N, C-alpha and C. Protein backbone atom coordinates (compact mmCIF):
# COMPACT_ATOMS: atom_id res chain seq x y z
N MET A 1 -9.96 30.47 -139.70
CA MET A 1 -9.10 29.68 -140.55
C MET A 1 -7.81 29.38 -139.79
N VAL A 2 -7.36 28.15 -139.89
CA VAL A 2 -6.12 27.73 -139.23
C VAL A 2 -5.00 27.72 -140.27
N PHE A 3 -3.88 28.29 -139.92
CA PHE A 3 -2.73 28.28 -140.82
C PHE A 3 -1.69 27.32 -140.27
N TRP A 4 -1.22 26.44 -141.13
CA TRP A 4 -0.19 25.48 -140.77
C TRP A 4 1.11 26.00 -141.36
N ASN A 5 1.79 26.86 -140.58
CA ASN A 5 2.91 27.58 -141.15
C ASN A 5 4.28 27.01 -140.81
N THR A 6 4.37 26.08 -139.90
CA THR A 6 5.69 25.51 -139.64
C THR A 6 5.76 24.12 -140.26
N HIS A 7 6.97 23.71 -140.57
CA HIS A 7 7.16 22.39 -141.16
C HIS A 7 6.64 21.30 -140.23
N ARG A 8 6.89 21.45 -138.94
CA ARG A 8 6.45 20.45 -137.96
C ARG A 8 4.92 20.37 -137.91
N GLN A 9 4.25 21.51 -137.94
CA GLN A 9 2.79 21.51 -137.93
C GLN A 9 2.24 20.85 -139.19
N ARG A 10 2.85 21.14 -140.34
CA ARG A 10 2.39 20.53 -141.58
C ARG A 10 2.62 19.03 -141.56
N ARG A 11 3.74 18.60 -140.99
CA ARG A 11 4.03 17.15 -140.89
C ARG A 11 3.01 16.46 -140.00
N LEU A 12 2.69 17.06 -138.86
CA LEU A 12 1.70 16.47 -137.96
C LEU A 12 0.33 16.41 -138.62
N LEU A 13 -0.02 17.47 -139.32
CA LEU A 13 -1.30 17.48 -140.03
C LEU A 13 -1.31 16.38 -141.09
N ALA A 14 -0.22 16.24 -141.82
CA ALA A 14 -0.16 15.20 -142.86
C ALA A 14 -0.33 13.82 -142.26
N LEU A 15 0.32 13.58 -141.16
CA LEU A 15 0.20 12.27 -140.52
C LEU A 15 -1.22 12.01 -140.03
N ALA A 16 -1.85 13.04 -139.47
CA ALA A 16 -3.22 12.89 -139.00
C ALA A 16 -4.18 12.63 -140.15
N VAL A 17 -4.04 13.38 -141.22
CA VAL A 17 -4.91 13.20 -142.39
C VAL A 17 -4.67 11.83 -143.00
N ALA A 18 -3.41 11.46 -143.14
CA ALA A 18 -3.09 10.17 -143.75
C ALA A 18 -3.60 9.02 -142.89
N ALA A 19 -3.45 9.14 -141.59
CA ALA A 19 -3.95 8.09 -140.70
C ALA A 19 -5.45 7.95 -140.85
N PHE A 20 -6.15 9.08 -140.94
CA PHE A 20 -7.60 9.04 -141.12
C PHE A 20 -7.95 8.39 -142.45
N ALA A 21 -7.26 8.75 -143.50
CA ALA A 21 -7.56 8.23 -144.84
C ALA A 21 -7.27 6.74 -144.95
N CYS A 22 -6.35 6.24 -144.15
CA CYS A 22 -5.99 4.82 -144.22
C CYS A 22 -6.90 3.94 -143.39
N LEU A 23 -7.76 4.55 -142.58
CA LEU A 23 -8.67 3.76 -141.77
C LEU A 23 -9.81 3.23 -142.62
N PRO A 24 -10.33 2.04 -142.28
CA PRO A 24 -11.51 1.56 -143.00
C PRO A 24 -12.66 2.53 -142.79
N ALA A 25 -13.38 2.79 -143.86
CA ALA A 25 -14.53 3.70 -143.78
C ALA A 25 -15.71 2.98 -143.17
N ALA A 26 -16.51 3.73 -142.44
CA ALA A 26 -17.72 3.16 -141.87
C ALA A 26 -18.68 2.84 -143.01
N ALA A 27 -19.39 1.75 -142.87
CA ALA A 27 -20.35 1.36 -143.91
C ALA A 27 -21.52 2.32 -143.90
N GLY A 28 -21.81 2.89 -145.04
CA GLY A 28 -22.92 3.82 -145.16
C GLY A 28 -24.19 3.09 -145.54
N PRO A 29 -25.31 3.81 -145.58
CA PRO A 29 -26.56 3.19 -145.96
C PRO A 29 -26.51 2.74 -147.42
N ARG A 30 -27.08 1.59 -147.69
CA ARG A 30 -27.07 1.07 -149.06
C ARG A 30 -28.50 0.97 -149.56
N VAL A 31 -28.67 1.30 -150.80
CA VAL A 31 -29.98 1.24 -151.43
C VAL A 31 -29.84 0.42 -152.69
N LEU A 32 -30.78 -0.48 -152.93
CA LEU A 32 -30.73 -1.28 -154.14
C LEU A 32 -31.03 -0.40 -155.34
N ALA A 33 -30.16 -0.42 -156.32
CA ALA A 33 -30.36 0.39 -157.53
C ALA A 33 -31.55 -0.12 -158.32
N ILE A 34 -32.08 0.72 -159.17
CA ILE A 34 -33.27 0.40 -159.95
C ILE A 34 -33.08 -0.84 -160.81
N ASP A 35 -31.86 -1.02 -161.34
CA ASP A 35 -31.63 -2.18 -162.22
C ASP A 35 -31.40 -3.47 -161.44
N GLY A 36 -31.51 -3.41 -160.11
CA GLY A 36 -31.36 -4.60 -159.30
C GLY A 36 -29.96 -4.87 -158.83
N THR A 37 -29.01 -4.04 -159.20
CA THR A 37 -27.64 -4.25 -158.74
C THR A 37 -27.53 -3.80 -157.28
N SER A 38 -26.47 -4.19 -156.65
CA SER A 38 -26.28 -3.80 -155.26
C SER A 38 -25.31 -2.64 -155.11
N ALA A 39 -25.07 -1.89 -156.19
CA ALA A 39 -24.10 -0.79 -156.13
C ALA A 39 -24.51 0.24 -155.11
N GLY A 40 -25.79 0.50 -154.96
CA GLY A 40 -26.25 1.42 -153.93
C GLY A 40 -26.26 2.86 -154.39
N LEU A 41 -27.43 3.45 -154.47
CA LEU A 41 -27.55 4.82 -154.91
C LEU A 41 -26.91 5.80 -153.94
N GLN A 42 -26.99 5.52 -152.65
CA GLN A 42 -26.42 6.43 -151.66
C GLN A 42 -24.94 6.17 -151.43
N ALA A 43 -24.44 5.03 -151.84
CA ALA A 43 -23.03 4.71 -151.62
C ALA A 43 -22.12 5.52 -152.52
N ALA A 44 -22.56 5.87 -153.73
CA ALA A 44 -21.69 6.55 -154.69
C ALA A 44 -21.13 7.87 -154.16
N PRO A 45 -21.96 8.80 -153.63
CA PRO A 45 -21.38 10.05 -153.11
C PRO A 45 -20.42 9.79 -151.94
N GLN A 46 -20.74 8.81 -151.12
CA GLN A 46 -19.86 8.48 -149.99
C GLN A 46 -18.52 7.96 -150.50
N ARG A 47 -18.54 7.08 -151.48
CA ARG A 47 -17.31 6.52 -152.04
C ARG A 47 -16.47 7.62 -152.68
N ARG A 48 -17.12 8.51 -153.41
CA ARG A 48 -16.39 9.62 -154.04
C ARG A 48 -15.72 10.49 -152.97
N GLY A 49 -16.43 10.76 -151.89
CA GLY A 49 -15.86 11.54 -150.79
C GLY A 49 -14.66 10.85 -150.16
N GLU A 50 -14.77 9.54 -149.98
CA GLU A 50 -13.66 8.76 -149.42
C GLU A 50 -12.44 8.85 -150.34
N ILE A 51 -12.68 8.73 -151.64
CA ILE A 51 -11.59 8.77 -152.61
C ILE A 51 -10.94 10.14 -152.63
N GLU A 52 -11.73 11.20 -152.60
CA GLU A 52 -11.18 12.55 -152.58
C GLU A 52 -10.32 12.77 -151.34
N GLN A 53 -10.79 12.29 -150.18
CA GLN A 53 -10.00 12.41 -148.94
C GLN A 53 -8.70 11.63 -149.05
N MET A 54 -8.78 10.45 -149.60
CA MET A 54 -7.59 9.61 -149.75
C MET A 54 -6.57 10.30 -150.65
N LEU A 55 -7.04 10.87 -151.76
CA LEU A 55 -6.13 11.54 -152.70
C LEU A 55 -5.46 12.76 -152.07
N GLN A 56 -6.20 13.52 -151.28
CA GLN A 56 -5.60 14.69 -150.61
C GLN A 56 -4.55 14.26 -149.59
N ALA A 57 -4.83 13.20 -148.86
CA ALA A 57 -3.85 12.70 -147.88
C ALA A 57 -2.62 12.13 -148.58
N TRP A 58 -2.82 11.41 -149.69
CA TRP A 58 -1.72 10.87 -150.49
C TRP A 58 -0.83 12.00 -151.00
N LYS A 59 -1.46 13.04 -151.53
CA LYS A 59 -0.75 14.21 -152.05
C LYS A 59 0.06 14.88 -150.94
N LEU A 60 -0.54 15.07 -149.79
CA LEU A 60 0.13 15.73 -148.68
C LEU A 60 1.32 14.91 -148.18
N ALA A 61 1.14 13.60 -148.05
CA ALA A 61 2.26 12.74 -147.62
C ALA A 61 3.40 12.82 -148.64
N TRP A 62 3.06 12.88 -149.91
CA TRP A 62 4.05 12.99 -150.99
C TRP A 62 4.80 14.31 -150.87
N GLU A 63 4.07 15.41 -150.73
CA GLU A 63 4.70 16.72 -150.64
C GLU A 63 5.61 16.86 -149.43
N LEU A 64 5.23 16.24 -148.34
CA LEU A 64 6.03 16.35 -147.11
C LEU A 64 7.13 15.30 -147.02
N GLY A 65 7.20 14.41 -148.00
CA GLY A 65 8.25 13.40 -148.00
C GLY A 65 8.07 12.34 -146.93
N GLU A 66 6.85 12.13 -146.49
CA GLU A 66 6.56 11.11 -145.48
C GLU A 66 6.46 9.76 -146.16
N ALA A 67 7.60 9.12 -146.37
CA ALA A 67 7.67 7.90 -147.18
C ALA A 67 6.78 6.78 -146.65
N ASP A 68 6.86 6.48 -145.37
CA ASP A 68 6.05 5.38 -144.83
C ASP A 68 4.56 5.61 -145.04
N THR A 69 4.13 6.84 -144.79
CA THR A 69 2.72 7.18 -144.98
C THR A 69 2.35 7.11 -146.45
N TYR A 70 3.17 7.70 -147.30
CA TYR A 70 2.94 7.70 -148.74
C TYR A 70 2.80 6.27 -149.28
N LEU A 71 3.70 5.40 -148.89
CA LEU A 71 3.71 4.03 -149.41
C LEU A 71 2.49 3.23 -148.98
N ARG A 72 1.90 3.58 -147.83
CA ARG A 72 0.70 2.87 -147.35
C ARG A 72 -0.51 3.12 -148.24
N PHE A 73 -0.47 4.14 -149.08
CA PHE A 73 -1.60 4.41 -149.98
C PHE A 73 -1.62 3.45 -151.17
N TYR A 74 -0.58 2.66 -151.33
CA TYR A 74 -0.49 1.69 -152.42
C TYR A 74 -0.81 0.30 -151.90
N ALA A 75 -1.43 -0.52 -152.76
CA ALA A 75 -1.73 -1.90 -152.40
C ALA A 75 -0.44 -2.63 -152.05
N PRO A 76 -0.51 -3.59 -151.13
CA PRO A 76 0.71 -4.29 -150.71
C PRO A 76 1.49 -4.94 -151.85
N ASP A 77 0.82 -5.34 -152.92
CA ASP A 77 1.51 -5.99 -154.03
C ASP A 77 1.86 -5.03 -155.17
N PHE A 78 1.63 -3.73 -154.97
CA PHE A 78 1.95 -2.75 -156.00
C PHE A 78 3.47 -2.66 -156.17
N ARG A 79 3.94 -2.63 -157.42
CA ARG A 79 5.38 -2.50 -157.67
C ARG A 79 5.69 -1.59 -158.84
N GLY A 80 4.66 -0.95 -159.42
CA GLY A 80 4.91 -0.05 -160.54
C GLY A 80 5.62 -0.78 -161.66
N ASP A 81 6.66 -0.16 -162.21
CA ASP A 81 7.44 -0.78 -163.28
C ASP A 81 8.65 -1.54 -162.75
N ALA A 82 8.80 -1.58 -161.44
CA ALA A 82 9.97 -2.23 -160.83
C ALA A 82 9.80 -3.75 -160.83
N ARG A 83 10.90 -4.44 -160.61
CA ARG A 83 10.87 -5.91 -160.56
C ARG A 83 10.17 -6.44 -159.31
N SER A 84 10.25 -5.66 -158.24
CA SER A 84 9.66 -6.11 -156.97
C SER A 84 9.14 -4.92 -156.19
N ARG A 85 8.35 -5.19 -155.20
CA ARG A 85 7.85 -4.12 -154.32
C ARG A 85 9.03 -3.44 -153.63
N ALA A 86 10.01 -4.23 -153.18
CA ALA A 86 11.17 -3.65 -152.48
C ALA A 86 11.94 -2.69 -153.40
N ASP A 87 12.12 -3.05 -154.66
CA ASP A 87 12.81 -2.16 -155.61
C ASP A 87 12.01 -0.88 -155.81
N TRP A 88 10.70 -1.01 -155.99
CA TRP A 88 9.83 0.16 -156.18
C TRP A 88 9.90 1.07 -154.96
N GLU A 89 9.81 0.49 -153.75
CA GLU A 89 9.86 1.29 -152.53
C GLU A 89 11.19 2.02 -152.40
N ARG A 90 12.28 1.36 -152.72
CA ARG A 90 13.60 1.98 -152.63
C ARG A 90 13.68 3.21 -153.55
N THR A 91 13.18 3.07 -154.77
CA THR A 91 13.17 4.18 -155.72
C THR A 91 12.29 5.32 -155.21
N ARG A 92 11.10 5.00 -154.73
CA ARG A 92 10.17 6.02 -154.24
C ARG A 92 10.75 6.74 -153.03
N ARG A 93 11.36 6.01 -152.11
CA ARG A 93 11.95 6.65 -150.93
C ARG A 93 13.04 7.64 -151.33
N ALA A 94 13.86 7.26 -152.31
CA ALA A 94 14.92 8.15 -152.78
C ALA A 94 14.32 9.43 -153.37
N ARG A 95 13.27 9.29 -154.15
CA ARG A 95 12.63 10.48 -154.74
C ARG A 95 11.94 11.34 -153.68
N LEU A 96 11.36 10.70 -152.68
CA LEU A 96 10.68 11.45 -151.63
C LEU A 96 11.65 12.19 -150.72
N ALA A 97 12.91 11.81 -150.74
CA ALA A 97 13.91 12.47 -149.90
C ALA A 97 14.25 13.87 -150.42
N ARG A 98 13.83 14.18 -151.65
CA ARG A 98 14.05 15.53 -152.19
C ARG A 98 13.31 16.54 -151.33
N ARG A 99 13.84 17.72 -151.26
CA ARG A 99 13.18 18.77 -150.48
C ARG A 99 12.23 19.56 -151.36
N ARG A 100 11.24 20.13 -150.73
CA ARG A 100 10.29 21.04 -151.39
C ARG A 100 9.59 20.43 -152.60
N ILE A 101 8.89 19.37 -152.36
CA ILE A 101 8.07 18.77 -153.41
C ILE A 101 6.73 19.48 -153.44
N SER A 102 6.27 19.76 -154.62
CA SER A 102 4.95 20.38 -154.80
C SER A 102 4.17 19.55 -155.81
N VAL A 103 2.95 19.18 -155.45
CA VAL A 103 2.10 18.40 -156.34
C VAL A 103 0.73 19.06 -156.40
N GLU A 104 0.26 19.30 -157.60
CA GLU A 104 -1.09 19.84 -157.79
C GLU A 104 -1.89 18.86 -158.61
N LEU A 105 -3.12 18.62 -158.18
CA LEU A 105 -4.05 17.74 -158.90
C LEU A 105 -5.16 18.61 -159.46
N GLU A 106 -5.33 18.59 -160.77
CA GLU A 106 -6.35 19.42 -161.41
C GLU A 106 -7.26 18.56 -162.27
N SER A 107 -8.47 19.04 -162.47
CA SER A 107 -9.46 18.37 -163.33
C SER A 107 -9.67 16.92 -162.90
N LEU A 108 -9.91 16.73 -161.61
CA LEU A 108 -10.10 15.40 -161.04
C LEU A 108 -11.39 14.77 -161.55
N ARG A 109 -11.28 13.53 -162.03
CA ARG A 109 -12.44 12.75 -162.44
C ARG A 109 -12.39 11.40 -161.74
N ILE A 110 -13.49 11.03 -161.11
CA ILE A 110 -13.59 9.75 -160.40
C ILE A 110 -14.66 8.92 -161.09
N ARG A 111 -14.29 7.73 -161.50
CA ARG A 111 -15.25 6.80 -162.12
C ARG A 111 -15.33 5.55 -161.24
N LEU A 112 -16.48 5.37 -160.60
CA LEU A 112 -16.68 4.19 -159.77
C LEU A 112 -16.95 2.99 -160.66
N LEU A 113 -16.27 1.90 -160.40
CA LEU A 113 -16.42 0.68 -161.18
C LEU A 113 -17.12 -0.40 -160.36
N GLY A 114 -17.83 0.02 -159.35
CA GLY A 114 -18.49 -0.88 -158.42
C GLY A 114 -18.30 -0.32 -157.02
N ASP A 115 -18.61 -1.11 -156.04
CA ASP A 115 -18.53 -0.65 -154.66
C ASP A 115 -17.10 -0.60 -154.13
N SER A 116 -16.20 -1.37 -154.76
CA SER A 116 -14.85 -1.45 -154.20
C SER A 116 -13.75 -1.19 -155.23
N GLU A 117 -14.11 -0.67 -156.40
CA GLU A 117 -13.10 -0.32 -157.40
C GLU A 117 -13.43 1.01 -158.03
N ALA A 118 -12.39 1.74 -158.39
CA ALA A 118 -12.57 3.04 -159.03
C ALA A 118 -11.37 3.34 -159.90
N GLU A 119 -11.61 4.24 -160.84
CA GLU A 119 -10.55 4.76 -161.69
C GLU A 119 -10.57 6.27 -161.54
N VAL A 120 -9.41 6.85 -161.30
CA VAL A 120 -9.30 8.28 -161.08
C VAL A 120 -8.34 8.84 -162.12
N SER A 121 -8.69 9.97 -162.71
CA SER A 121 -7.79 10.62 -163.65
C SER A 121 -7.75 12.12 -163.32
N PHE A 122 -6.59 12.72 -163.57
CA PHE A 122 -6.40 14.14 -163.31
C PHE A 122 -5.14 14.62 -164.00
N THR A 123 -5.00 15.93 -164.08
CA THR A 123 -3.77 16.53 -164.54
C THR A 123 -2.89 16.74 -163.32
N GLN A 124 -1.67 16.26 -163.39
CA GLN A 124 -0.74 16.37 -162.26
C GLN A 124 0.36 17.36 -162.62
N ARG A 125 0.56 18.34 -161.73
CA ARG A 125 1.67 19.28 -161.86
C ARG A 125 2.62 18.98 -160.70
N TYR A 126 3.85 18.62 -161.05
CA TYR A 126 4.84 18.19 -160.07
C TYR A 126 6.07 19.08 -160.16
N ALA A 127 6.60 19.44 -159.01
CA ALA A 127 7.86 20.20 -158.97
C ALA A 127 8.66 19.74 -157.76
N ALA A 128 9.95 19.51 -157.98
CA ALA A 128 10.87 19.15 -156.89
C ALA A 128 12.25 19.62 -157.31
N GLY A 129 12.84 20.45 -156.47
CA GLY A 129 14.14 21.01 -156.83
C GLY A 129 13.99 21.80 -158.12
N GLY A 130 14.83 21.56 -159.10
CA GLY A 130 14.74 22.25 -160.38
C GLY A 130 13.87 21.51 -161.40
N HIS A 131 13.34 20.35 -161.03
CA HIS A 131 12.55 19.55 -161.96
C HIS A 131 11.07 19.92 -161.88
N ARG A 132 10.45 20.12 -163.03
CA ARG A 132 9.01 20.39 -163.12
C ARG A 132 8.43 19.58 -164.27
N ASP A 133 7.24 19.04 -164.06
CA ASP A 133 6.55 18.41 -165.18
C ASP A 133 5.04 18.45 -164.95
N THR A 134 4.34 18.32 -166.05
CA THR A 134 2.89 18.30 -166.05
C THR A 134 2.45 17.16 -166.94
N GLY A 135 1.46 16.42 -166.50
CA GLY A 135 1.00 15.30 -167.32
C GLY A 135 -0.32 14.75 -166.83
N ALA A 136 -0.80 13.77 -167.56
CA ALA A 136 -2.06 13.09 -167.24
C ALA A 136 -1.76 11.89 -166.37
N LYS A 137 -2.37 11.85 -165.20
CA LYS A 137 -2.18 10.73 -164.27
C LYS A 137 -3.48 9.95 -164.20
N ARG A 138 -3.36 8.64 -164.17
CA ARG A 138 -4.53 7.77 -164.02
C ARG A 138 -4.20 6.76 -162.92
N LEU A 139 -5.08 6.65 -161.95
CA LEU A 139 -4.91 5.71 -160.86
C LEU A 139 -6.06 4.70 -160.86
N ARG A 140 -5.73 3.47 -160.61
CA ARG A 140 -6.73 2.43 -160.41
C ARG A 140 -6.75 2.19 -158.90
N LEU A 141 -7.94 2.26 -158.30
CA LEU A 141 -8.08 2.12 -156.85
C LEU A 141 -8.94 0.91 -156.51
N GLN A 142 -8.65 0.32 -155.36
CA GLN A 142 -9.46 -0.78 -154.85
C GLN A 142 -9.56 -0.65 -153.34
N ARG A 143 -10.75 -0.96 -152.82
CA ARG A 143 -10.92 -0.97 -151.37
C ARG A 143 -10.34 -2.27 -150.84
N ILE A 144 -9.30 -2.14 -150.04
CA ILE A 144 -8.63 -3.30 -149.45
C ILE A 144 -8.64 -3.10 -147.95
N GLY A 145 -9.21 -4.04 -147.24
CA GLY A 145 -9.30 -3.90 -145.79
C GLY A 145 -10.11 -2.67 -145.38
N GLY A 146 -11.06 -2.28 -146.21
CA GLY A 146 -11.92 -1.14 -145.88
C GLY A 146 -11.37 0.22 -146.25
N ALA A 147 -10.16 0.28 -146.83
CA ALA A 147 -9.55 1.56 -147.21
C ALA A 147 -9.17 1.52 -148.68
N TRP A 148 -9.22 2.68 -149.33
CA TRP A 148 -8.85 2.77 -150.75
C TRP A 148 -7.34 2.71 -150.90
N ARG A 149 -6.88 1.85 -151.81
CA ARG A 149 -5.45 1.69 -152.09
C ARG A 149 -5.23 1.79 -153.60
N ILE A 150 -4.06 2.28 -153.99
CA ILE A 150 -3.70 2.39 -155.40
C ILE A 150 -3.18 1.03 -155.86
N THR A 151 -3.83 0.48 -156.90
CA THR A 151 -3.42 -0.81 -157.45
C THR A 151 -2.78 -0.66 -158.83
N GLY A 152 -2.97 0.48 -159.46
CA GLY A 152 -2.39 0.74 -160.77
C GLY A 152 -2.17 2.23 -160.94
N GLU A 153 -1.11 2.60 -161.68
CA GLU A 153 -0.77 4.01 -161.83
C GLU A 153 -0.09 4.21 -163.18
N THR A 154 -0.61 5.18 -163.96
CA THR A 154 0.05 5.53 -165.20
C THR A 154 0.17 7.06 -165.26
N TRP A 155 1.17 7.50 -165.98
CA TRP A 155 1.40 8.93 -166.13
C TRP A 155 1.93 9.18 -167.54
N ALA A 156 1.41 10.21 -168.19
CA ALA A 156 1.86 10.56 -169.53
C ALA A 156 2.23 12.04 -169.57
N GLN A 157 3.42 12.34 -170.01
CA GLN A 157 3.92 13.71 -170.08
C GLN A 157 3.02 14.58 -170.95
N GLY A 158 2.90 15.84 -170.55
CA GLY A 158 2.12 16.80 -171.31
C GLY A 158 0.63 16.61 -171.11
N SER A 159 -0.08 17.67 -171.08
CA SER A 159 -1.52 17.58 -170.91
C SER A 159 -2.09 18.97 -170.87
């Protein structure tokens, strides 16, 4: 077992994982489903694995405050509740500048909506500084340029 015990080692690991997660995935074998759709029986486990890897890299970039890496997990036109992408990025960068962010994802559920769309839900436990919260997070994902990106995000306190 490898232990990543220094901040620098954890940062390098986060960048490596994030870089891997942002790369287009290799096309896996596709099988025509029984109902005649092209969703592919073998593609589903592969897509779920890609999404799980992406979520772990997103979480790690968030915890380490790697703003550029973290922001790449979102679709280019994502802006959350902000007026513009630039406003949303400015707010996110300010929040990521906090020290010692901890994020836990529990009860992960992935629902594939086709070959290039998915909906993910989980319980999120967040802590930064003296602030702590727990709630239900839902992400809408889309494969853009061969990589999974967040296109929608909702969070509800308590869960």
